[in-house]
Amino acid sequence: MSLEVTTAVERPTGLPSEAAASAHPVEAPPTGLASPVAILIGSLSFGALFLLAWQFLPPALGVPSYIIPTVTDLAREFVRMAQRENLMMHTLSTVTIATLGFIIGSLLGAAMGYVLGMSVFIEKVLSPYILGLQIAPKVAFAPLFIMWLGYNAWPKLIVTVLVVFFPIMVNVLQSMKTMDRDLVNLARAYSMSRLQIFWKVEMPASMPALMAGLRIGGTLAVIGVTVGELVGGNTGLGYLITFGEGQANTAMVFNAIVLLTLVGIILYGVVTMIESRVLHYIPRAMR
């Protein structure tokens, strides 16, 4: 009788098994990524260097202050504007119109995008007219709205709505047209109605494109309200730009531009915060 001898290699005690190692993988620390503190320090340092260059470089090059005012000139003019030009009222007017125009334009753009995406017939019928209105420069409508509605807030609001409307509608419509048809067919196989397919399949799948359109619309809203104020407004930061231009007050124009930029950044940041809440289920690298 022959005996078969088998040898087994025993795993040393104290080491994790393959199953345990696969169940709890050890992630390598990311390389090449700076910490948030380092990013903040770098950003603040760059901003400080930029302000120092703005303060000392133009006088060193002999550029007069009425061409490029220094940072201290802007600060003095900002205080004067706050005391004598009712700067707070103008800023609130711009913020109010930009916010309202953004909200209304976003709702209308998303609704139209979904309607066109759900019905090929409606899209084919309305697409030539929508394309023509999209190609037409929206800023050119501002004088018409002023002649029709007068020198009030309505022309600025309508221009802002038009500027915000189209990028959101195009993004939503494109997401509806590139929808995964297998998911739609699967929903139909489960006898879901057209409205149920929209709410449970199409609308959730279109949310990334909608949020991208909202981020674009947030910046365009400031442009729209500024155009309305430049053309025929009597309040707002755009009006202060026109007023400062008439007085050859370059510092006032610079201050108004800086405030408009801050309004746009805040609006963009609010949309980004909403996006992080809505799209929390999507990995950050995929957004």
C-alpha atoms as a PDB file:
ATOM      1  CA  MET A   1       0.000   0.000   0.000  1.00  0.00           C
ATOM      2  CA  SER A   2       1.430   3.342  -1.011  1.00  0.00           C
ATOM      3  CA  LEU A   3       0.875   6.456   0.956  1.00  0.00           C
ATOM      4  CA  GLU A   4       0.414   9.817  -0.736  1.00  0.00           C
ATOM      5  CA  VAL A   5       2.067  12.572   1.194  1.00  0.00           C
ATOM      6  CA  THR A   6       0.759  16.060   0.607  1.00  0.00           C
ATOM      7  CA  THR A   7       2.454  19.139   1.906  1.00  0.00           C
ATOM      8  CA  ALA A   8       0.568  22.262   2.792  1.00  0.00           C
ATOM      9  CA  VAL A   9       2.078  25.632   3.242  1.00  0.00           C
ATOM     10  CA  GLU A  10       0.686  27.073   6.402  1.00  0.00           C
ATOM     11  CA  ARG A  11       0.027  30.778   6.566  1.00  0.00           C
ATOM     12  CA  PRO A  12       1.992  32.436   9.352  1.00  0.00           C
ATOM     13  CA  THR A  13      -0.158  33.434  12.246  1.00  0.00           C
ATOM     14  CA  GLY A  14      -0.806  37.132  12.751  1.00  0.00           C
ATOM     15  CA  LEU A  15      -1.051  37.958   9.040  1.00  0.00           C
ATOM     16  CA  PRO A  16      -4.467  38.800   7.532  1.00  0.00           C
ATOM     17  CA  SER A  17      -5.989  36.219   5.255  1.00  0.00           C
ATOM     18  CA  GLU A  18      -6.721  36.908   1.601  1.00  0.00           C
ATOM     19  CA  ALA A  19     -10.437  37.143   2.344  1.00  0.00           C
ATOM     20  CA  ALA A  20      -9.839  39.621   5.105  1.00  0.00           C
ATOM     21  CA  ALA A  21      -7.470  41.604   2.922  1.00  0.00           C
ATOM     22  CA  SER A  22      -9.979  41.734   0.111  1.00  0.00           C
ATOM     23  CA  ALA A  23     -12.780  42.684   2.497  1.00  0.00           C
ATOM     24  CA  HIS A  24     -10.781  45.567   3.959  1.00  0.00           C
ATOM     25  CA  PRO A  25      -8.522  46.919   1.209  1.00  0.00           C
ATOM     26  CA  VAL A  26      -5.867  49.349   2.275  1.00  0.00           C
ATOM     27  CA  GLU A  27      -6.095  52.493   0.204  1.00  0.00           C
ATOM     28  CA  ALA A  28      -2.876  54.177  -0.687  1.00  0.00           C
ATOM     29  CA  PRO A  29      -2.719  57.826   0.256  1.00  0.00           C
ATOM     30  CA  PRO A  30      -3.307  60.065  -2.744  1.00  0.00           C
ATOM     31  CA  THR A  31      -0.184  61.578  -4.193  1.00  0.00           C
ATOM     32  CA  GLY A  32       0.146  65.001  -5.733  1.00  0.00           C
ATOM     33  CA  LEU A  33      -2.893  66.446  -3.930  1.00  0.00           C
ATOM     34  CA  ALA A  34      -2.440  69.566  -1.826  1.00  0.00           C
ATOM     35  CA  SER A  35      -4.268  69.982   1.447  1.00  0.00           C
ATOM     36  CA  PRO A  36      -7.136  72.486   1.681  1.00  0.00           C
ATOM     37  CA  VAL A  37      -5.030  74.656   3.987  1.00  0.00           C
ATOM     38  CA  ALA A  38      -2.203  74.801   1.442  1.00  0.00           C
ATOM     39  CA  ILE A  39      -4.666  75.654  -1.329  1.00  0.00           C
ATOM     40  CA  LEU A  40      -6.184  78.446   0.785  1.00  0.00           C
ATOM     41  CA  ILE A  41      -2.766  79.850   1.660  1.00  0.00           C
ATOM     42  CA  GLY A  42      -1.688  79.746  -1.979  1.00  0.00           C
ATOM     43  CA  SER A  43      -4.870  81.458  -3.147  1.00  0.00           C
ATOM     44  CA  LEU A  44      -4.617  84.202  -0.515  1.00  0.00           C
ATOM     45  CA  SER A  45      -0.940  84.715  -1.304  1.00  0.00           C
ATOM     46  CA  PHE A  46      -1.675  85.112  -5.002  1.00  0.00           C
ATOM     47  CA  GLY A  47      -4.460  87.580  -4.210  1.00  0.00           C
ATOM     48  CA  ALA A  48      -2.181  89.600  -1.955  1.00  0.00           C
ATOM     49  CA  LEU A  49       0.533  89.734  -4.613  1.00  0.00           C
ATOM     50  CA  PHE A  50      -2.020  90.800  -7.204  1.00  0.00           C
ATOM     51  CA  LEU A  51      -3.284  93.632  -4.986  1.00  0.00           C
ATOM     52  CA  LEU A  52       0.265  94.772  -4.220  1.00  0.00           C
ATOM     53  CA  ALA A  53       1.087  94.842  -7.933  1.00  0.00           C
ATOM     54  CA  TRP A  54      -2.116  96.773  -8.608  1.00  0.00           C
ATOM     55  CA  GLN A  55      -1.234  99.281  -5.883  1.00  0.00           C
ATOM     56  CA  PHE A  56       2.399  99.992  -6.777  1.00  0.00           C
ATOM     57  CA  LEU A  57       2.938  98.965 -10.410  1.00  0.00           C
ATOM     58  CA  PRO A  58       0.780 101.578 -12.223  1.00  0.00           C
ATOM     59  CA  PRO A  59       2.367 104.570 -10.390  1.00  0.00           C
ATOM     60  CA  ALA A  60       5.816 103.085 -10.960  1.00  0.00           C
ATOM     61  CA  LEU A  61       5.086 102.870 -14.688  1.00  0.00           C
ATOM     62  CA  GLY A  62       3.703 106.405 -14.765  1.00  0.00           C
ATOM     63  CA  VAL A  63       0.095 105.391 -15.423  1.00  0.00           C
ATOM     64  CA  PRO A  64      -2.238 108.162 -14.172  1.00  0.00           C
ATOM     65  CA  SER A  65      -4.936 107.297 -11.644  1.00  0.00           C
ATOM     66  CA  TYR A  66      -7.740 108.304 -13.994  1.00  0.00           C
ATOM     67  CA  ILE A  67      -6.640 105.443 -16.278  1.00  0.00           C
ATOM     68  CA  ILE A  68      -5.916 102.736 -13.693  1.00  0.00           C
ATOM     69  CA  PRO A  69      -6.713 103.779 -10.108  1.00  0.00           C
ATOM     70  CA  THR A  70      -4.779 102.131  -7.324  1.00  0.00           C
ATOM     71  CA  VAL A  71      -6.312  99.944  -4.633  1.00  0.00           C
ATOM     72  CA  THR A  72      -6.323 102.817  -2.150  1.00  0.00           C
ATOM     73  CA  ASP A  73      -8.097 105.005  -4.714  1.00  0.00           C
ATOM     74  CA  LEU A  74     -10.762 102.312  -5.090  1.00  0.00           C
ATOM     75  CA  ALA A  75     -11.153 102.063  -1.319  1.00  0.00           C
ATOM     76  CA  ARG A  76     -11.617 105.835  -0.942  1.00  0.00           C
ATOM     77  CA  GLU A  77     -14.116 105.909  -3.803  1.00  0.00           C
ATOM     78  CA  PHE A  78     -15.976 102.939  -2.316  1.00  0.00           C
ATOM     79  CA  VAL A  79     -16.441 104.828   0.958  1.00  0.00           C
ATOM     80  CA  ARG A  80     -17.626 107.903  -0.933  1.00  0.00           C
ATOM     81  CA  MET A  81     -20.072 105.822  -2.985  1.00  0.00           C
ATOM     82  CA  ALA A  82     -21.462 104.234   0.157  1.00  0.00           C
ATOM     83  CA  GLN A  83     -21.975 107.641   1.758  1.00  0.00           C
ATOM     84  CA  ARG A  84     -23.186 109.752  -1.179  1.00  0.00           C
ATOM     85  CA  GLU A  85     -24.232 107.504  -4.072  1.00  0.00           C
ATOM     86  CA  ASN A  86     -26.551 105.162  -2.141  1.00  0.00           C
ATOM     87  CA  LEU A  87     -24.379 102.172  -3.026  1.00  0.00           C
ATOM     88  CA  MET A  88     -26.361  99.732  -0.888  1.00  0.00           C
ATOM     89  CA  MET A  89     -29.604 100.490  -2.718  1.00  0.00           C
ATOM     90  CA  HIS A  90     -27.989 100.021  -6.132  1.00  0.00           C
ATOM     91  CA  THR A  91     -26.387  96.746  -5.043  1.00  0.00           C
ATOM     92  CA  LEU A  92     -29.645  95.378  -3.644  1.00  0.00           C
ATOM     93  CA  SER A  93     -31.445  96.331  -6.867  1.00  0.00           C
ATOM     94  CA  THR A  94     -28.939  94.385  -8.957  1.00  0.00           C
ATOM     95  CA  VAL A  95     -28.979  91.377  -6.625  1.00  0.00           C
ATOM     96  CA  THR A  96     -32.790  91.294  -6.571  1.00  0.00           C
ATOM     97  CA  ILE A  97     -33.223  91.468 -10.341  1.00  0.00           C
ATOM     98  CA  ALA A  98     -30.422  88.966 -10.971  1.00  0.00           C
ATOM     99  CA  THR A  99     -31.877  86.484  -8.477  1.00  0.00           C
ATOM    100  CA  LEU A 100     -35.448  86.803  -9.753  1.00  0.00           C
ATOM    101  CA  GLY A 101     -34.339  86.571 -13.367  1.00  0.00           C
ATOM    102  CA  PHE A 102     -32.234  83.528 -12.594  1.00  0.00           C
ATOM    103  CA  ILE A 103     -35.076  81.738 -10.804  1.00  0.00           C
ATOM    104  CA  ILE A 104     -37.701  82.523 -13.447  1.00  0.00           C
ATOM    105  CA  GLY A 105     -35.369  81.763 -16.351  1.00  0.00           C
ATOM    106  CA  SER A 106     -34.276  78.491 -14.737  1.00  0.00           C
ATOM    107  CA  LEU A 107     -37.847  77.313 -14.189  1.00  0.00           C
ATOM    108  CA  LEU A 108     -38.934  78.238 -17.708  1.00  0.00           C
ATOM    109  CA  GLY A 109     -35.808  76.778 -19.317  1.00  0.00           C
ATOM    110  CA  ALA A 110     -36.047  73.480 -17.424  1.00  0.00           C
ATOM    111  CA  ALA A 111     -39.775  73.165 -18.120  1.00  0.00           C
ATOM    112  CA  MET A 112     -39.349  73.845 -21.852  1.00  0.00           C
ATOM    113  CA  GLY A 113     -36.414  71.455 -22.065  1.00  0.00           C
ATOM    114  CA  TYR A 114     -38.415  68.658 -20.470  1.00  0.00           C
ATOM    115  CA  VAL A 115     -41.463  69.321 -22.662  1.00  0.00           C
ATOM    116  CA  LEU A 116     -39.385  69.272 -25.849  1.00  0.00           C
ATOM    117  CA  GLY A 117     -37.512  66.186 -24.684  1.00  0.00           C
ATOM    118  CA  MET A 118     -40.691  64.257 -23.930  1.00  0.00           C
ATOM    119  CA  SER A 119     -42.354  64.983 -27.276  1.00  0.00           C
ATOM    120  CA  VAL A 120     -40.460  64.645 -30.543  1.00  0.00           C
ATOM    121  CA  PHE A 121     -43.400  66.212 -32.387  1.00  0.00           C
ATOM    122  CA  ILE A 122     -43.358  69.378 -30.276  1.00  0.00           C
ATOM    123  CA  GLU A 123     -39.590  69.618 -30.629  1.00  0.00           C
ATOM    124  CA  LYS A 124     -39.749  69.377 -34.419  1.00  0.00           C
ATOM    125  CA  VAL A 125     -42.522  71.976 -34.599  1.00  0.00           C
ATOM    126  CA  LEU A 126     -40.962  74.538 -32.263  1.00  0.00           C
ATOM    127  CA  SER A 127     -37.244  73.964 -32.891  1.00  0.00           C
ATOM    128  CA  PRO A 128     -36.947  76.473 -35.812  1.00  0.00           C
ATOM    129  CA  TYR A 129     -38.511  79.252 -33.764  1.00  0.00           C
ATOM    130  CA  ILE A 130     -36.532  78.417 -30.649  1.00  0.00           C
ATOM    131  CA  LEU A 131     -33.335  78.305 -32.698  1.00  0.00           C
ATOM    132  CA  GLY A 132     -34.082  81.703 -34.209  1.00  0.00           C
ATOM    133  CA  LEU A 133     -34.778  83.245 -30.817  1.00  0.00           C
ATOM    134  CA  GLN A 134     -31.653  81.634 -29.415  1.00  0.00           C
ATOM    135  CA  ILE A 135     -29.424  82.986 -32.190  1.00  0.00           C
ATOM    136  CA  ALA A 136     -30.834  86.498 -31.914  1.00  0.00           C
ATOM    137  CA  PRO A 137     -28.665  88.573 -29.539  1.00  0.00           C
ATOM    138  CA  LYS A 138     -30.626  88.961 -26.341  1.00  0.00           C
ATOM    139  CA  VAL A 139     -28.948  92.243 -25.464  1.00  0.00           C
ATOM    140  CA  ALA A 140     -30.420  93.775 -28.617  1.00  0.00           C
ATOM    141  CA  PHE A 141     -33.903  93.305 -27.169  1.00  0.00           C
ATOM    142  CA  ALA A 142     -33.164  95.586 -24.215  1.00  0.00           C
ATOM    143  CA  PRO A 143     -33.932  98.867 -26.085  1.00  0.00           C
ATOM    144  CA  LEU A 144     -37.187  97.370 -27.351  1.00  0.00           C
ATOM    145  CA  PHE A 145     -38.262  96.360 -23.856  1.00  0.00           C
ATOM    146  CA  ILE A 146     -37.437  99.849 -22.590  1.00  0.00           C
ATOM    147  CA  MET A 147     -39.539 101.448 -25.322  1.00  0.00           C
ATOM    148  CA  TRP A 148     -42.408  99.074 -24.589  1.00  0.00           C
ATOM    149  CA  LEU A 149     -42.271  98.977 -20.783  1.00  0.00           C
ATOM    150  CA  GLY A 150     -40.483 102.169 -19.783  1.00  0.00           C
ATOM    151  CA  TYR A 151     -37.509 102.860 -17.542  1.00  0.00           C
ATOM    152  CA  ASN A 152     -38.292 100.443 -14.734  1.00  0.00           C
ATOM    153  CA  ALA A 153     -37.289  96.995 -13.523  1.00  0.00           C
ATOM    154  CA  TRP A 154     -39.259  95.022 -16.132  1.00  0.00           C
ATOM    155  CA  PRO A 155     -36.836  95.407 -19.070  1.00  0.00           C
ATOM    156  CA  LYS A 156     -33.908  94.326 -16.895  1.00  0.00           C
ATOM    157  CA  LEU A 157     -35.839  91.344 -15.567  1.00  0.00           C
ATOM    158  CA  ILE A 158     -36.970  90.177 -19.012  1.00  0.00           C
ATOM    159  CA  VAL A 159     -33.448  90.448 -20.469  1.00  0.00           C
ATOM    160  CA  THR A 160     -32.081  88.455 -17.536  1.00  0.00           C
ATOM    161  CA  VAL A 161     -34.742  85.767 -17.983  1.00  0.00           C
ATOM    162  CA  LEU A 162     -33.949  85.453 -21.698  1.00  0.00           C
ATOM    163  CA  VAL A 163     -30.219  85.205 -21.078  1.00  0.00           C
ATOM    164  CA  VAL A 164     -30.665  82.501 -18.421  1.00  0.00           C
ATOM    165  CA  PHE A 165     -33.389  80.580 -20.262  1.00  0.00           C
ATOM    166  CA  PHE A 166     -31.523  79.155 -23.238  1.00  0.00           C
ATOM    167  CA  PRO A 167     -28.455  77.423 -21.730  1.00  0.00           C
ATOM    168  CA  ILE A 168     -30.650  75.619 -19.214  1.00  0.00           C
ATOM    169  CA  MET A 169     -33.182  74.588 -21.862  1.00  0.00           C
ATOM    170  CA  VAL A 170     -30.437  73.317 -24.189  1.00  0.00           C
ATOM    171  CA  ASN A 171     -28.742  71.320 -21.421  1.00  0.00           C
ATOM    172  CA  VAL A 172     -31.981  69.690 -20.292  1.00  0.00           C
ATOM    173  CA  LEU A 173     -33.089  68.936 -23.841  1.00  0.00           C
ATOM    174  CA  GLN A 174     -29.740  67.390 -24.704  1.00  0.00           C
ATOM    175  CA  SER A 175     -29.843  65.180 -21.605  1.00  0.00           C
ATOM    176  CA  MET A 176     -33.349  64.016 -22.524  1.00  0.00           C
ATOM    177  CA  LYS A 177     -32.283  63.208 -26.089  1.00  0.00           C
ATOM    178  CA  THR A 178     -29.248  61.206 -24.940  1.00  0.00           C
ATOM    179  CA  MET A 179     -31.202  59.263 -22.333  1.00  0.00           C
ATOM    180  CA  ASP A 180     -30.365  55.564 -21.951  1.00  0.00           C
ATOM    181  CA  ARG A 181     -33.193  53.979 -23.925  1.00  0.00           C
ATOM    182  CA  ASP A 182     -32.668  50.628 -22.212  1.00  0.00           C
ATOM    183  CA  LEU A 183     -33.775  52.154 -18.915  1.00  0.00           C
ATOM    184  CA  VAL A 184     -36.854  53.656 -20.571  1.00  0.00           C
ATOM    185  CA  ASN A 185     -37.716  50.335 -22.215  1.00  0.00           C
ATOM    186  CA  LEU A 186     -37.239  48.535 -18.901  1.00  0.00           C
ATOM    187  CA  ALA A 187     -39.632  50.984 -17.228  1.00  0.00           C
ATOM    188  CA  ARG A 188     -42.164  50.362 -19.975  1.00  0.00           C
ATOM    189  CA  ALA A 189     -41.778  46.626 -19.470  1.00  0.00           C
ATOM    190  CA  TYR A 190     -42.862  47.168 -15.878  1.00  0.00           C
ATOM    191  CA  SER A 191     -46.013  48.907 -17.186  1.00  0.00           C
ATOM    192  CA  MET A 192     -45.008  52.355 -15.928  1.00  0.00           C
ATOM    193  CA  SER A 193     -46.974  55.279 -17.293  1.00  0.00           C
ATOM    194  CA  ARG A 194     -45.351  58.107 -19.270  1.00  0.00           C
ATOM    195  CA  LEU A 195     -45.474  60.393 -16.259  1.00  0.00           C
ATOM    196  CA  GLN A 196     -43.927  57.736 -14.022  1.00  0.00           C
ATOM    197  CA  ILE A 197     -41.118  57.190 -16.519  1.00  0.00           C
ATOM    198  CA  PHE A 198     -40.429  60.918 -16.481  1.00  0.00           C
ATOM    199  CA  TRP A 199     -40.370  61.283 -12.693  1.00  0.00           C
ATOM    200  CA  LYS A 200     -38.484  58.070 -11.897  1.00  0.00           C
ATOM    201  CA  VAL A 201     -36.156  57.619 -14.882  1.00  0.00           C
ATOM    202  CA  GLU A 202     -35.752  60.663 -17.118  1.00  0.00           C
ATOM    203  CA  MET A 203     -35.737  63.491 -14.610  1.00  0.00           C
ATOM    204  CA  PRO A 204     -33.197  61.904 -12.195  1.00  0.00           C
ATOM    205  CA  ALA A 205     -30.933  61.074 -15.142  1.00  0.00           C
ATOM    206  CA  SER A 206     -31.092  64.669 -16.376  1.00  0.00           C
ATOM    207  CA  MET A 207     -30.149  66.270 -13.057  1.00  0.00           C
ATOM    208  CA  PRO A 208     -26.373  66.533 -13.759  1.00  0.00           C
ATOM    209  CA  ALA A 209     -27.050  68.354 -17.034  1.00  0.00           C
ATOM    210  CA  LEU A 210     -29.628  70.579 -15.333  1.00  0.00           C
ATOM    211  CA  MET A 211     -27.187  71.527 -12.589  1.00  0.00           C
ATOM    212  CA  ALA A 212     -24.500  72.305 -15.162  1.00  0.00           C
ATOM    213  CA  GLY A 213     -26.970  74.593 -16.923  1.00  0.00           C
ATOM    214  CA  LEU A 214     -27.841  76.267 -13.636  1.00  0.00           C
ATOM    215  CA  ARG A 215     -24.188  77.019 -12.976  1.00  0.00           C
ATOM    216  CA  ILE A 216     -23.904  78.637 -16.394  1.00  0.00           C
ATOM    217  CA  GLY A 217     -27.166  80.504 -15.873  1.00  0.00           C
ATOM    218  CA  GLY A 218     -25.994  81.850 -12.524  1.00  0.00           C
ATOM    219  CA  THR A 219     -23.123  83.707 -14.172  1.00  0.00           C
ATOM    220  CA  LEU A 220     -25.203  84.809 -17.158  1.00  0.00           C
ATOM    221  CA  ALA A 221     -27.860  86.299 -14.871  1.00  0.00           C
ATOM    222  CA  VAL A 222     -25.399  88.973 -13.747  1.00  0.00           C
ATOM    223  CA  ILE A 223     -24.564  89.736 -17.375  1.00  0.00           C
ATOM    224  CA  GLY A 224     -28.238  90.052 -18.278  1.00  0.00           C
ATOM    225  CA  VAL A 225     -29.115  92.440 -15.476  1.00  0.00           C
ATOM    226  CA  THR A 226     -25.998  94.505 -16.166  1.00  0.00           C
ATOM    227  CA  VAL A 227     -26.964  94.899 -19.820  1.00  0.00           C
ATOM    228  CA  GLY A 228     -30.431  96.064 -18.826  1.00  0.00           C
ATOM    229  CA  GLU A 229     -29.011  98.573 -16.365  1.00  0.00           C
ATOM    230  CA  LEU A 230     -26.444  99.847 -18.866  1.00  0.00           C
ATOM    231  CA  VAL A 231     -28.980 100.390 -21.627  1.00  0.00           C
ATOM    232  CA  GLY A 232     -31.728 102.131 -19.743  1.00  0.00           C
ATOM    233  CA  GLY A 233     -31.670 101.573 -16.022  1.00  0.00           C
ATOM    234  CA  ASN A 234     -31.789 104.269 -13.383  1.00  0.00           C
ATOM    235  CA  THR A 235     -30.746 101.994 -10.509  1.00  0.00           C
ATOM    236  CA  GLY A 236     -28.269  99.180 -10.068  1.00  0.00           C
ATOM    237  CA  LEU A 237     -24.562  98.630 -10.417  1.00  0.00           C
ATOM    238  CA  GLY A 238     -24.787  98.813 -14.203  1.00  0.00           C
ATOM    239  CA  TYR A 239     -26.276 102.281 -13.850  1.00  0.00           C
ATOM    240  CA  LEU A 240     -23.327 103.265 -11.646  1.00  0.00           C
ATOM    241  CA  ILE A 241     -20.985 102.130 -14.427  1.00  0.00           C
ATOM    242  CA  THR A 242     -22.748 104.424 -16.892  1.00  0.00           C
ATOM    243  CA  PHE A 243     -22.859 107.236 -14.327  1.00  0.00           C
ATOM    244  CA  GLY A 244     -19.157 106.855 -13.539  1.00  0.00           C
ATOM    245  CA  GLU A 245     -18.311 106.809 -17.238  1.00  0.00           C
ATOM    246  CA  GLY A 246     -20.157 110.081 -17.732  1.00  0.00           C
ATOM    247  CA  GLN A 247     -18.177 111.670 -14.895  1.00  0.00           C
ATOM    248  CA  ALA A 248     -14.859 110.116 -16.038  1.00  0.00           C
ATOM    249  CA  ASN A 249     -14.723 108.453 -12.615  1.00  0.00           C
ATOM    250  CA  THR A 250     -12.706 105.332 -13.346  1.00  0.00           C
ATOM    251  CA  ALA A 251     -12.632 104.287  -9.697  1.00  0.00           C
ATOM    252  CA  MET A 252     -16.426 104.181  -9.563  1.00  0.00           C
ATOM    253  CA  VAL A 253     -16.527 102.008 -12.679  1.00  0.00           C
ATOM    254  CA  PHE A 254     -13.945  99.637 -11.226  1.00  0.00           C
ATOM    255  CA  ASN A 255     -15.840  99.375  -7.933  1.00  0.00           C
ATOM    256  CA  ALA A 256     -19.104  98.601  -9.720  1.00  0.00           C
ATOM    257  CA  ILE A 257     -17.383  95.908 -11.802  1.00  0.00           C
ATOM    258  CA  VAL A 258     -15.858  94.345  -8.687  1.00  0.00           C
ATOM    259  CA  LEU A 259     -19.239  94.272  -6.946  1.00  0.00           C
ATOM    260  CA  LEU A 260     -20.895  92.721 -10.012  1.00  0.00           C
ATOM    261  CA  THR A 261     -18.186  90.064 -10.026  1.00  0.00           C
ATOM    262  CA  LEU A 262     -18.807  89.318  -6.359  1.00  0.00           C
ATOM    263  CA  VAL A 263     -22.557  89.004  -7.002  1.00  0.00           C
ATOM    264  CA  GLY A 264     -21.862  86.493  -9.768  1.00  0.00           C
ATOM    265  CA  ILE A 265     -19.453  84.511  -7.600  1.00  0.00           C
ATOM    266  CA  ILE A 266     -21.963  84.328  -4.746  1.00  0.00           C
ATOM    267  CA  LEU A 267     -24.756  83.211  -7.073  1.00  0.00           C
ATOM    268  CA  TYR A 268     -22.478  80.590  -8.613  1.00  0.00           C
ATOM    269  CA  GLY A 269     -21.454  79.383  -5.156  1.00  0.00           C
ATOM    270  CA  VAL A 270     -25.067  79.013  -4.049  1.00  0.00           C
ATOM    271  CA  VAL A 271     -25.840  76.907  -7.131  1.00  0.00           C
ATOM    272  CA  THR A 272     -22.747  74.785  -6.474  1.00  0.00           C
ATOM    273  CA  MET A 273     -23.865  74.144  -2.883  1.00  0.00           C
ATOM    274  CA  ILE A 274     -27.316  73.097  -4.102  1.00  0.00           C
ATOM    275  CA  GLU A 275     -25.695  70.835  -6.681  1.00  0.00           C
ATOM    276  CA  SER A 276     -23.578  69.099  -4.030  1.00  0.00           C
ATOM    277  CA  ARG A 277     -26.742  68.381  -2.051  1.00  0.00           C
ATOM    278  CA  VAL A 278     -28.809  67.197  -5.006  1.00  0.00           C
ATOM    279  CA  LEU A 279     -26.069  65.113  -6.649  1.00  0.00           C
ATOM    280  CA  HIS A 280     -24.636  63.679  -3.444  1.00  0.00           C
ATOM    281  CA  TYR A 281     -24.991  60.163  -4.862  1.00  0.00           C
ATOM    282  CA  ILE A 282     -22.599  60.854  -7.743  1.00  0.00           C
ATOM    283  CA  PRO A 283     -18.842  60.499  -7.052  1.00  0.00           C
ATOM    284  CA  ARG A 284     -17.124  63.855  -7.047  1.00  0.00           C
ATOM    285  CA  ALA A 285     -14.715  62.892  -9.840  1.00  0.00           C
ATOM    286  CA  MET A 286     -17.662  62.148 -12.143  1.00  0.00           C
ATOM    287  CA  ARG A 287     -19.442  65.524 -11.736  1.00  0.00           C
END
